[in-house]
């Protein structure tokens, strides 16, 4: 029987593979990787993997549409995943790994804001233009 630390390592390996497959849009491979991760998951990670499998199944049947905003939604989903992993590691007592995930989430949020700012500025200027007419 695998030790807790071995199960955790295998879970992380498969969940990272699943996240990478999701980023590439390969939801079939992601669902398979989440299935494997779920076998080694405990607690919230089990339910997280289960939810990601359902998400991947949905994306294979009916993917999101919506252009640029869809990209932001996917990026925010990545941030959420990173925050969940940071929380998991913090609860496991691994503060160093938790900080790495928090740093990654912070950088991703900065990138989202950097890309979203021109969109918001354009929407605001268009709104002001429409109000004057």
C-alpha atoms as a PDB file:
ATOM      1  CA  UNK A   1       0.000   0.000   0.000  1.00  0.00           C
ATOM      2  CA  UNK A   2       1.311   3.440  -0.903  1.00  0.00           C
ATOM      3  CA  UNK A   3       2.192   5.886   1.862  1.00  0.00           C
ATOM      4  CA  UNK A   4       0.375   9.201   2.190  1.00  0.00           C
ATOM      5  CA  UNK A   5       3.330  11.100   0.757  1.00  0.00           C
ATOM      6  CA  UNK A   6       3.544   8.693  -2.212  1.00  0.00           C
ATOM      7  CA  UNK A   7      -0.182   9.086  -2.889  1.00  0.00           C
ATOM      8  CA  UNK A   8       0.197  12.873  -2.675  1.00  0.00           C
ATOM      9  CA  UNK A   9       3.081  12.816  -5.151  1.00  0.00           C
ATOM     10  CA  UNK A  10       1.155  10.646  -7.615  1.00  0.00           C
ATOM     11  CA  UNK A  11      -1.929  12.864  -7.234  1.00  0.00           C
ATOM     12  CA  UNK A  12       0.145  15.968  -7.958  1.00  0.00           C
ATOM     13  CA  UNK A  13       1.788  14.332 -10.970  1.00  0.00           C
ATOM     14  CA  UNK A  14      -1.544  13.396 -12.541  1.00  0.00           C
ATOM     15  CA  UNK A  15      -3.275  16.663 -11.610  1.00  0.00           C
ATOM     16  CA  UNK A  16      -0.457  18.691 -13.177  1.00  0.00           C
ATOM     17  CA  UNK A  17      -0.757  16.579 -16.334  1.00  0.00           C
ATOM     18  CA  UNK A  18      -4.509  17.185 -16.321  1.00  0.00           C
ATOM     19  CA  UNK A  19      -4.095  20.952 -15.933  1.00  0.00           C
ATOM     20  CA  UNK A  20      -1.616  21.025 -18.811  1.00  0.00           C
ATOM     21  CA  UNK A  21      -4.010  19.035 -21.016  1.00  0.00           C
ATOM     22  CA  UNK A  22      -6.836  21.441 -20.135  1.00  0.00           C
ATOM     23  CA  UNK A  23      -4.661  24.425 -21.069  1.00  0.00           C
ATOM     24  CA  UNK A  24      -4.026  22.805 -24.448  1.00  0.00           C
ATOM     25  CA  UNK A  25      -7.745  22.166 -24.898  1.00  0.00           C
ATOM     26  CA  UNK A  26      -7.328  18.379 -24.874  1.00  0.00           C
ATOM     27  CA  UNK A  27     -10.242  17.688 -22.559  1.00  0.00           C
ATOM     28  CA  UNK A  28     -10.306  13.936 -23.244  1.00  0.00           C
ATOM     29  CA  UNK A  29      -6.708  13.581 -22.047  1.00  0.00           C
ATOM     30  CA  UNK A  30      -7.427  15.931 -19.147  1.00  0.00           C
ATOM     31  CA  UNK A  31     -10.426  13.862 -18.041  1.00  0.00           C
ATOM     32  CA  UNK A  32      -8.319  10.690 -18.152  1.00  0.00           C
ATOM     33  CA  UNK A  33      -5.571  12.353 -16.109  1.00  0.00           C
ATOM     34  CA  UNK A  34      -8.106  13.657 -13.574  1.00  0.00           C
ATOM     35  CA  UNK A  35      -9.525  10.119 -13.318  1.00  0.00           C
ATOM     36  CA  UNK A  36      -6.065   8.839 -12.428  1.00  0.00           C
ATOM     37  CA  UNK A  37      -5.465  11.720 -10.020  1.00  0.00           C
ATOM     38  CA  UNK A  38      -8.775  10.988  -8.304  1.00  0.00           C
ATOM     39  CA  UNK A  39      -7.571   7.464  -7.510  1.00  0.00           C
ATOM     40  CA  UNK A  40      -4.820   8.965  -5.323  1.00  0.00           C
ATOM     41  CA  UNK A  41      -6.736  11.960  -4.008  1.00  0.00           C
ATOM     42  CA  UNK A  42      -7.989  12.419  -0.480  1.00  0.00           C
ATOM     43  CA  UNK A  43     -10.410  14.886   1.050  1.00  0.00           C
ATOM     44  CA  UNK A  44     -11.142  17.954  -1.022  1.00  0.00           C
ATOM     45  CA  UNK A  45      -8.753  16.886  -3.748  1.00  0.00           C
ATOM     46  CA  UNK A  46     -10.992  13.904  -4.462  1.00  0.00           C
ATOM     47  CA  UNK A  47     -13.982  16.208  -5.006  1.00  0.00           C
ATOM     48  CA  UNK A  48     -11.845  18.680  -6.943  1.00  0.00           C
ATOM     49  CA  UNK A  49     -10.742  15.926  -9.337  1.00  0.00           C
ATOM     50  CA  UNK A  50     -14.340  14.717  -9.640  1.00  0.00           C
ATOM     51  CA  UNK A  51     -15.516  18.254 -10.495  1.00  0.00           C
ATOM     52  CA  UNK A  52     -12.721  18.684 -13.059  1.00  0.00           C
ATOM     53  CA  UNK A  53     -13.720  15.401 -14.727  1.00  0.00           C
ATOM     54  CA  UNK A  54     -17.288  16.698 -15.033  1.00  0.00           C
ATOM     55  CA  UNK A  55     -15.969  20.007 -16.398  1.00  0.00           C
ATOM     56  CA  UNK A  56     -13.842  18.210 -19.010  1.00  0.00           C
ATOM     57  CA  UNK A  57     -16.767  16.004 -20.011  1.00  0.00           C
ATOM     58  CA  UNK A  58     -18.912  19.124 -20.461  1.00  0.00           C
ATOM     59  CA  UNK A  59     -16.226  20.862 -22.497  1.00  0.00           C
ATOM     60  CA  UNK A  60     -16.006  17.865 -24.832  1.00  0.00           C
ATOM     61  CA  UNK A  61     -19.777  17.996 -25.401  1.00  0.00           C
ATOM     62  CA  UNK A  62     -20.385  21.738 -25.395  1.00  0.00           C
ATOM     63  CA  UNK A  63     -17.297  23.982 -25.273  1.00  0.00           C
ATOM     64  CA  UNK A  64     -17.453  27.585 -24.179  1.00  0.00           C
ATOM     65  CA  UNK A  65     -17.876  30.185 -26.829  1.00  0.00           C
ATOM     66  CA  UNK A  66     -17.215  33.872 -26.573  1.00  0.00           C
ATOM     67  CA  UNK A  67     -13.864  34.952 -27.942  1.00  0.00           C
ATOM     68  CA  UNK A  68     -11.687  37.150 -25.773  1.00  0.00           C
ATOM     69  CA  UNK A  69     -13.809  36.891 -22.632  1.00  0.00           C
ATOM     70  CA  UNK A  70     -13.611  33.113 -22.877  1.00  0.00           C
ATOM     71  CA  UNK A  71      -9.828  33.446 -22.665  1.00  0.00           C
ATOM     72  CA  UNK A  72     -10.161  35.524 -19.507  1.00  0.00           C
ATOM     73  CA  UNK A  73     -12.545  32.972 -18.023  1.00  0.00           C
ATOM     74  CA  UNK A  74     -10.042  30.180 -18.656  1.00  0.00           C
ATOM     75  CA  UNK A  75      -7.259  32.257 -17.128  1.00  0.00           C
ATOM     76  CA  UNK A  76      -9.377  32.928 -14.053  1.00  0.00           C
ATOM     77  CA  UNK A  77     -10.063  29.198 -13.809  1.00  0.00           C
ATOM     78  CA  UNK A  78      -6.287  28.640 -13.776  1.00  0.00           C
ATOM     79  CA  UNK A  79      -5.910  31.187 -10.970  1.00  0.00           C
ATOM     80  CA  UNK A  80      -8.622  29.410  -9.016  1.00  0.00           C
ATOM     81  CA  UNK A  81      -6.790  26.087  -9.455  1.00  0.00           C
ATOM     82  CA  UNK A  82      -3.553  27.654  -8.262  1.00  0.00           C
ATOM     83  CA  UNK A  83      -5.273  29.117  -5.203  1.00  0.00           C
ATOM     84  CA  UNK A  84      -6.846  25.751  -4.395  1.00  0.00           C
ATOM     85  CA  UNK A  85      -3.445  24.072  -4.635  1.00  0.00           C
ATOM     86  CA  UNK A  86      -1.912  26.781  -2.421  1.00  0.00           C
ATOM     87  CA  UNK A  87      -4.624  26.154   0.145  1.00  0.00           C
ATOM     88  CA  UNK A  88      -4.073  22.405  -0.042  1.00  0.00           C
ATOM     89  CA  UNK A  89      -0.328  22.679   0.541  1.00  0.00           C
ATOM     90  CA  UNK A  90      -0.823  25.185   3.352  1.00  0.00           C
ATOM     91  CA  UNK A  91      -3.217  22.782   5.073  1.00  0.00           C
ATOM     92  CA  UNK A  92      -0.648  20.007   4.605  1.00  0.00           C
ATOM     93  CA  UNK A  93       1.980  22.164   6.325  1.00  0.00           C
ATOM     94  CA  UNK A  94       4.046  22.753   3.177  1.00  0.00           C
ATOM     95  CA  UNK A  95       4.207  26.544   3.308  1.00  0.00           C
ATOM     96  CA  UNK A  96       7.003  26.800   0.754  1.00  0.00           C
ATOM     97  CA  UNK A  97       4.979  24.993  -1.925  1.00  0.00           C
ATOM     98  CA  UNK A  98       1.896  26.994  -0.923  1.00  0.00           C
ATOM     99  CA  UNK A  99       3.792  30.258  -1.451  1.00  0.00           C
ATOM    100  CA  UNK A 100       4.896  29.103  -4.916  1.00  0.00           C
ATOM    101  CA  UNK A 101       1.293  28.531  -5.962  1.00  0.00           C
ATOM    102  CA  UNK A 102       0.247  31.881  -4.453  1.00  0.00           C
ATOM    103  CA  UNK A 103       3.033  33.638  -6.337  1.00  0.00           C
ATOM    104  CA  UNK A 104       1.973  31.952  -9.566  1.00  0.00           C
ATOM    105  CA  UNK A 105      -1.668  32.960  -9.003  1.00  0.00           C
ATOM    106  CA  UNK A 106      -0.606  36.529  -8.278  1.00  0.00           C
ATOM    107  CA  UNK A 107       1.441  36.740 -11.471  1.00  0.00           C
ATOM    108  CA  UNK A 108      -1.426  35.312 -13.512  1.00  0.00           C
ATOM    109  CA  UNK A 109      -3.846  37.860 -12.037  1.00  0.00           C
ATOM    110  CA  UNK A 110      -1.440  40.664 -12.946  1.00  0.00           C
ATOM    111  CA  UNK A 111      -1.311  39.329 -16.523  1.00  0.00           C
ATOM    112  CA  UNK A 112      -5.111  39.187 -16.688  1.00  0.00           C
ATOM    113  CA  UNK A 113      -5.402  42.761 -15.436  1.00  0.00           C
ATOM    114  CA  UNK A 114      -2.722  43.913 -17.896  1.00  0.00           C
ATOM    115  CA  UNK A 115      -4.650  42.357 -20.804  1.00  0.00           C
ATOM    116  CA  UNK A 116      -8.087  43.407 -19.537  1.00  0.00           C
ATOM    117  CA  UNK A 117      -7.284  47.084 -18.925  1.00  0.00           C
ATOM    118  CA  UNK A 118      -7.421  48.124 -22.612  1.00  0.00           C
ATOM    119  CA  UNK A 119     -10.725  46.274 -23.025  1.00  0.00           C
ATOM    120  CA  UNK A 120     -12.217  48.112 -20.049  1.00  0.00           C
ATOM    121  CA  UNK A 121     -10.841  51.455 -21.253  1.00  0.00           C
ATOM    122  CA  UNK A 122     -12.338  50.877 -24.684  1.00  0.00           C
ATOM    123  CA  UNK A 123     -15.704  49.916 -23.185  1.00  0.00           C
ATOM    124  CA  UNK A 124     -15.665  53.007 -20.963  1.00  0.00           C
ATOM    125  CA  UNK A 125     -14.766  55.330 -23.810  1.00  0.00           C
ATOM    126  CA  UNK A 126     -17.451  53.780 -25.999  1.00  0.00           C
ATOM    127  CA  UNK A 127     -19.975  54.169 -23.172  1.00  0.00           C
ATOM    128  CA  UNK A 128     -19.057  57.828 -22.718  1.00  0.00           C
ATOM    129  CA  UNK A 129     -19.344  58.346 -26.462  1.00  0.00           C
ATOM    130  CA  UNK A 130     -22.806  56.801 -26.509  1.00  0.00           C
ATOM    131  CA  UNK A 131     -23.954  58.957 -23.557  1.00  0.00           C
ATOM    132  CA  UNK A 132     -22.994  62.169 -25.425  1.00  0.00           C
ATOM    133  CA  UNK A 133     -25.144  61.291 -28.430  1.00  0.00           C
END
